[in-house]
Amino acid sequence: MEVIYLDSLFFLNLIADYFLLLCAGKLSGVVLRRWRYFLGALVGGAYAAACVLPGLGILAHPLGKLAAALLMALAAYGGERRFWRCGLVFLA
């Protein structure tokens, strides 16, 4: 049986998502709003933790992943004029 520590999974995804959102923002040339990137990373960390909980495996479906990525992008870049550019760079 494989053991997954939920807190480690959450924090590792939080850090990785934060840096991905930050890099996508820098590459897109927008004003950096680090608290919004942290909010988007919180969404990503919560999604990753929810995927391994019993009964929530349906979230790992590709549509669930796409919805989580869209929520992360909305949280991080929601007020930007270049939202779609930032979102596409983030997904790339």
N, C-alpha and C. Protein backbone atom coordinates (compact mmCIF):
# COMPACT_ATOMS: atom_id res chain seq x y z
N MET A 1 0.84 -1.17 0.00
CA MET A 1 0.00 0.00 0.00
C MET A 1 0.89 1.24 0.00
N GLU A 2 0.54 2.20 -0.81
CA GLU A 2 1.30 3.44 -0.93
C GLU A 2 0.76 4.46 0.06
N VAL A 3 1.66 5.14 0.76
CA VAL A 3 1.27 6.16 1.73
C VAL A 3 1.54 7.53 1.15
N ILE A 4 0.53 8.38 1.16
CA ILE A 4 0.68 9.76 0.69
C ILE A 4 0.33 10.68 1.85
N TYR A 5 1.27 11.53 2.22
CA TYR A 5 1.02 12.49 3.28
C TYR A 5 0.36 13.72 2.68
N LEU A 6 -0.84 14.01 3.15
CA LEU A 6 -1.65 15.06 2.56
C LEU A 6 -1.01 16.43 2.72
N ASP A 7 -0.40 16.70 3.87
CA ASP A 7 0.22 18.01 4.07
C ASP A 7 1.41 18.21 3.14
N SER A 8 2.22 17.19 2.95
CA SER A 8 3.35 17.30 2.04
C SER A 8 2.88 17.50 0.60
N LEU A 9 1.86 16.76 0.21
CA LEU A 9 1.30 16.90 -1.14
C LEU A 9 0.78 18.32 -1.35
N PHE A 10 0.07 18.85 -0.38
CA PHE A 10 -0.49 20.19 -0.48
C PHE A 10 0.61 21.24 -0.61
N PHE A 11 1.60 21.20 0.29
CA PHE A 11 2.62 22.24 0.29
C PHE A 11 3.56 22.15 -0.91
N LEU A 12 3.88 20.95 -1.37
CA LEU A 12 4.71 20.83 -2.56
C LEU A 12 3.99 21.39 -3.79
N ASN A 13 2.71 21.08 -3.91
CA ASN A 13 1.93 21.62 -5.03
C ASN A 13 1.74 23.13 -4.90
N LEU A 14 1.57 23.61 -3.68
CA LEU A 14 1.44 25.05 -3.45
C LEU A 14 2.68 25.78 -3.95
N ILE A 15 3.85 25.29 -3.60
CA ILE A 15 5.10 25.94 -4.01
C ILE A 15 5.29 25.84 -5.52
N ALA A 16 5.08 24.67 -6.08
CA ALA A 16 5.25 24.49 -7.52
C ALA A 16 4.27 25.36 -8.31
N ASP A 17 3.01 25.39 -7.89
CA ASP A 17 2.01 26.19 -8.59
C ASP A 17 2.32 27.68 -8.48
N TYR A 18 2.79 28.12 -7.32
CA TYR A 18 3.13 29.53 -7.15
C TYR A 18 4.21 29.94 -8.15
N PHE A 19 5.26 29.14 -8.25
CA PHE A 19 6.33 29.50 -9.17
C PHE A 19 5.91 29.39 -10.63
N LEU A 20 5.04 28.44 -10.95
CA LEU A 20 4.51 28.36 -12.32
C LEU A 20 3.67 29.59 -12.67
N LEU A 21 2.82 30.01 -11.74
CA LEU A 21 2.00 31.20 -11.99
C LEU A 21 2.87 32.45 -12.07
N LEU A 22 3.87 32.54 -11.22
CA LEU A 22 4.77 33.69 -11.23
C LEU A 22 5.54 33.76 -12.55
N CYS A 23 6.08 32.64 -13.00
CA CYS A 23 6.83 32.62 -14.26
C CYS A 23 5.93 32.94 -15.45
N ALA A 24 4.72 32.43 -15.45
CA ALA A 24 3.78 32.74 -16.54
C ALA A 24 3.45 34.22 -16.55
N GLY A 25 3.30 34.82 -15.39
CA GLY A 25 3.04 36.26 -15.32
C GLY A 25 4.21 37.07 -15.83
N LYS A 26 5.42 36.67 -15.46
CA LYS A 26 6.60 37.39 -15.93
C LYS A 26 6.76 37.26 -17.44
N LEU A 27 6.57 36.05 -17.96
CA LEU A 27 6.70 35.84 -19.40
C LEU A 27 5.62 36.58 -20.19
N SER A 28 4.46 36.79 -19.59
CA SER A 28 3.37 37.49 -20.28
C SER A 28 3.51 39.00 -20.19
N GLY A 29 4.40 39.47 -19.34
CA GLY A 29 4.63 40.91 -19.25
C GLY A 29 3.57 41.67 -18.48
N VAL A 30 2.98 41.07 -17.48
CA VAL A 30 1.97 41.76 -16.68
C VAL A 30 2.60 42.25 -15.37
N VAL A 31 1.90 43.16 -14.71
CA VAL A 31 2.35 43.63 -13.40
C VAL A 31 2.19 42.48 -12.42
N LEU A 32 3.25 42.20 -11.68
CA LEU A 32 3.22 41.05 -10.77
C LEU A 32 2.43 41.37 -9.51
N ARG A 33 1.44 40.56 -9.25
CA ARG A 33 0.63 40.66 -8.04
C ARG A 33 0.79 39.35 -7.28
N ARG A 34 1.79 39.29 -6.44
CA ARG A 34 2.19 38.04 -5.81
C ARG A 34 1.11 37.45 -4.91
N TRP A 35 0.29 38.27 -4.28
CA TRP A 35 -0.75 37.72 -3.41
C TRP A 35 -1.81 37.00 -4.24
N ARG A 36 -2.04 37.45 -5.47
CA ARG A 36 -3.00 36.75 -6.33
C ARG A 36 -2.42 35.45 -6.82
N TYR A 37 -1.11 35.42 -7.08
CA TYR A 37 -0.47 34.17 -7.48
C TYR A 37 -0.51 33.16 -6.34
N PHE A 38 -0.35 33.68 -5.12
CA PHE A 38 -0.45 32.79 -3.96
C PHE A 38 -1.87 32.25 -3.82
N LEU A 39 -2.87 33.06 -4.10
CA LEU A 39 -4.26 32.60 -4.06
C LEU A 39 -4.51 31.52 -5.11
N GLY A 40 -3.99 31.72 -6.31
CA GLY A 40 -4.11 30.69 -7.34
C GLY A 40 -3.39 29.41 -6.95
N ALA A 41 -2.23 29.55 -6.30
CA ALA A 41 -1.48 28.38 -5.85
C ALA A 41 -2.23 27.65 -4.74
N LEU A 42 -2.94 28.37 -3.90
CA LEU A 42 -3.78 27.73 -2.88
C LEU A 42 -4.86 26.87 -3.53
N VAL A 43 -5.45 27.38 -4.60
CA VAL A 43 -6.46 26.60 -5.32
C VAL A 43 -5.83 25.33 -5.87
N GLY A 44 -4.65 25.45 -6.46
CA GLY A 44 -3.97 24.29 -7.02
C GLY A 44 -3.57 23.28 -5.96
N GLY A 45 -3.10 23.75 -4.82
CA GLY A 45 -2.73 22.85 -3.74
C GLY A 45 -3.94 22.13 -3.17
N ALA A 46 -5.04 22.85 -3.02
CA ALA A 46 -6.27 22.23 -2.51
C ALA A 46 -6.80 21.20 -3.50
N TYR A 47 -6.69 21.49 -4.79
CA TYR A 47 -7.13 20.54 -5.81
C TYR A 47 -6.29 19.27 -5.76
N ALA A 48 -4.98 19.42 -5.65
CA ALA A 48 -4.10 18.25 -5.60
C ALA A 48 -4.39 17.40 -4.38
N ALA A 49 -4.65 18.04 -3.25
CA ALA A 49 -4.96 17.29 -2.04
C ALA A 49 -6.32 16.61 -2.16
N ALA A 50 -7.28 17.27 -2.79
CA ALA A 50 -8.62 16.69 -2.92
C ALA A 50 -8.62 15.48 -3.85
N CYS A 51 -7.71 15.46 -4.81
CA CYS A 51 -7.69 14.35 -5.78
C CYS A 51 -7.36 13.01 -5.13
N VAL A 52 -6.63 13.01 -4.04
CA VAL A 52 -6.24 11.74 -3.41
C VAL A 52 -7.16 11.34 -2.28
N LEU A 53 -8.14 12.15 -1.95
CA LEU A 53 -9.07 11.80 -0.89
C LEU A 53 -10.05 10.74 -1.39
N PRO A 54 -10.48 9.85 -0.51
CA PRO A 54 -11.42 8.80 -0.92
C PRO A 54 -12.74 9.40 -1.42
N GLY A 55 -13.19 8.91 -2.53
CA GLY A 55 -14.46 9.36 -3.09
C GLY A 55 -14.34 10.57 -4.00
N LEU A 56 -13.17 11.19 -4.08
CA LEU A 56 -13.02 12.37 -4.93
C LEU A 56 -12.08 12.11 -6.11
N GLY A 57 -11.91 10.86 -6.46
CA GLY A 57 -11.05 10.50 -7.57
C GLY A 57 -11.55 11.02 -8.91
N ILE A 58 -12.83 11.37 -8.98
CA ILE A 58 -13.41 11.90 -10.22
C ILE A 58 -12.75 13.22 -10.60
N LEU A 59 -12.15 13.89 -9.64
CA LEU A 59 -11.48 15.16 -9.93
C LEU A 59 -10.26 14.98 -10.82
N ALA A 60 -9.71 13.78 -10.88
CA ALA A 60 -8.53 13.52 -11.69
C ALA A 60 -8.88 13.35 -13.17
N HIS A 61 -10.15 13.39 -13.52
CA HIS A 61 -10.59 13.33 -14.90
C HIS A 61 -10.05 14.56 -15.64
N PRO A 62 -9.75 14.46 -16.93
CA PRO A 62 -9.21 15.61 -17.66
C PRO A 62 -10.07 16.88 -17.58
N LEU A 63 -11.38 16.73 -17.53
CA LEU A 63 -12.23 17.92 -17.38
C LEU A 63 -12.07 18.55 -16.00
N GLY A 64 -11.85 17.73 -14.98
CA GLY A 64 -11.59 18.25 -13.64
C GLY A 64 -10.27 18.99 -13.59
N LYS A 65 -9.27 18.46 -14.27
CA LYS A 65 -7.97 19.12 -14.33
C LYS A 65 -8.07 20.46 -15.06
N LEU A 66 -8.83 20.48 -16.14
CA LEU A 66 -9.01 21.72 -16.89
C LEU A 66 -9.76 22.76 -16.05
N ALA A 67 -10.78 22.32 -15.32
CA ALA A 67 -11.52 23.23 -14.46
C ALA A 67 -10.63 23.79 -13.36
N ALA A 68 -9.78 22.96 -12.78
CA ALA A 68 -8.87 23.43 -11.74
C ALA A 68 -7.87 24.43 -12.30
N ALA A 69 -7.35 24.17 -13.49
CA ALA A 69 -6.41 25.10 -14.12
C ALA A 69 -7.09 26.43 -14.43
N LEU A 70 -8.34 26.39 -14.86
CA LEU A 70 -9.08 27.61 -15.13
C LEU A 70 -9.32 28.40 -13.85
N LEU A 71 -9.67 27.72 -12.77
CA LEU A 71 -9.85 28.41 -11.49
C LEU A 71 -8.56 29.03 -10.99
N MET A 72 -7.45 28.31 -11.18
CA MET A 72 -6.15 28.86 -10.78
C MET A 72 -5.83 30.11 -11.59
N ALA A 73 -6.07 30.05 -12.90
CA ALA A 73 -5.79 31.20 -13.76
C ALA A 73 -6.70 32.38 -13.42
N LEU A 74 -7.96 32.10 -13.12
CA LEU A 74 -8.87 33.18 -12.73
C LEU A 74 -8.44 33.83 -11.42
N ALA A 75 -8.01 33.02 -10.48
CA ALA A 75 -7.56 33.57 -9.19
C ALA A 75 -6.30 34.41 -9.36
N ALA A 76 -5.40 33.97 -10.23
CA ALA A 76 -4.12 34.65 -10.37
C ALA A 76 -4.18 35.84 -11.34
N TYR A 77 -4.88 35.68 -12.45
CA TYR A 77 -4.85 36.70 -13.50
C TYR A 77 -6.23 37.27 -13.81
N GLY A 78 -7.17 37.15 -12.93
CA GLY A 78 -8.55 37.54 -13.21
C GLY A 78 -8.75 38.98 -13.61
N GLY A 79 -7.97 39.90 -13.08
CA GLY A 79 -8.17 41.32 -13.39
C GLY A 79 -7.26 41.84 -14.47
N GLU A 80 -6.51 40.99 -15.12
CA GLU A 80 -5.54 41.43 -16.12
C GLU A 80 -6.19 41.62 -17.49
N ARG A 81 -5.67 42.59 -18.25
CA ARG A 81 -6.13 42.78 -19.63
C ARG A 81 -5.71 41.61 -20.49
N ARG A 82 -4.57 41.03 -20.19
CA ARG A 82 -4.01 39.92 -20.96
C ARG A 82 -4.31 38.58 -20.30
N PHE A 83 -5.52 38.41 -19.84
CA PHE A 83 -5.87 37.19 -19.12
C PHE A 83 -5.62 35.94 -19.96
N TRP A 84 -6.07 35.94 -21.20
CA TRP A 84 -5.96 34.74 -22.03
C TRP A 84 -4.51 34.43 -22.36
N ARG A 85 -3.72 35.47 -22.56
CA ARG A 85 -2.29 35.23 -22.82
C ARG A 85 -1.65 34.61 -21.59
N CYS A 86 -1.93 35.15 -20.41
CA CYS A 86 -1.37 34.60 -19.18
C CYS A 86 -1.84 33.16 -18.96
N GLY A 87 -3.11 32.91 -19.19
CA GLY A 87 -3.64 31.57 -19.01
C GLY A 87 -3.02 30.55 -19.94
N LEU A 88 -2.82 30.93 -21.19
CA LEU A 88 -2.22 30.02 -22.15
C LEU A 88 -0.74 29.77 -21.85
N VAL A 89 -0.04 30.82 -21.42
CA VAL A 89 1.36 30.63 -21.03
C VAL A 89 1.44 29.74 -19.81
N PHE A 90 0.53 29.91 -18.88
CA PHE A 90 0.50 29.05 -17.68
C PHE A 90 0.25 27.59 -18.06
N LEU A 91 -0.66 27.33 -18.98
CA LEU A 91 -0.94 25.96 -19.39
C LEU A 91 0.18 25.36 -20.24
N ALA A 92 0.90 26.20 -20.93
CA ALA A 92 1.99 25.69 -21.77
C ALA A 92 3.11 25.19 -20.88
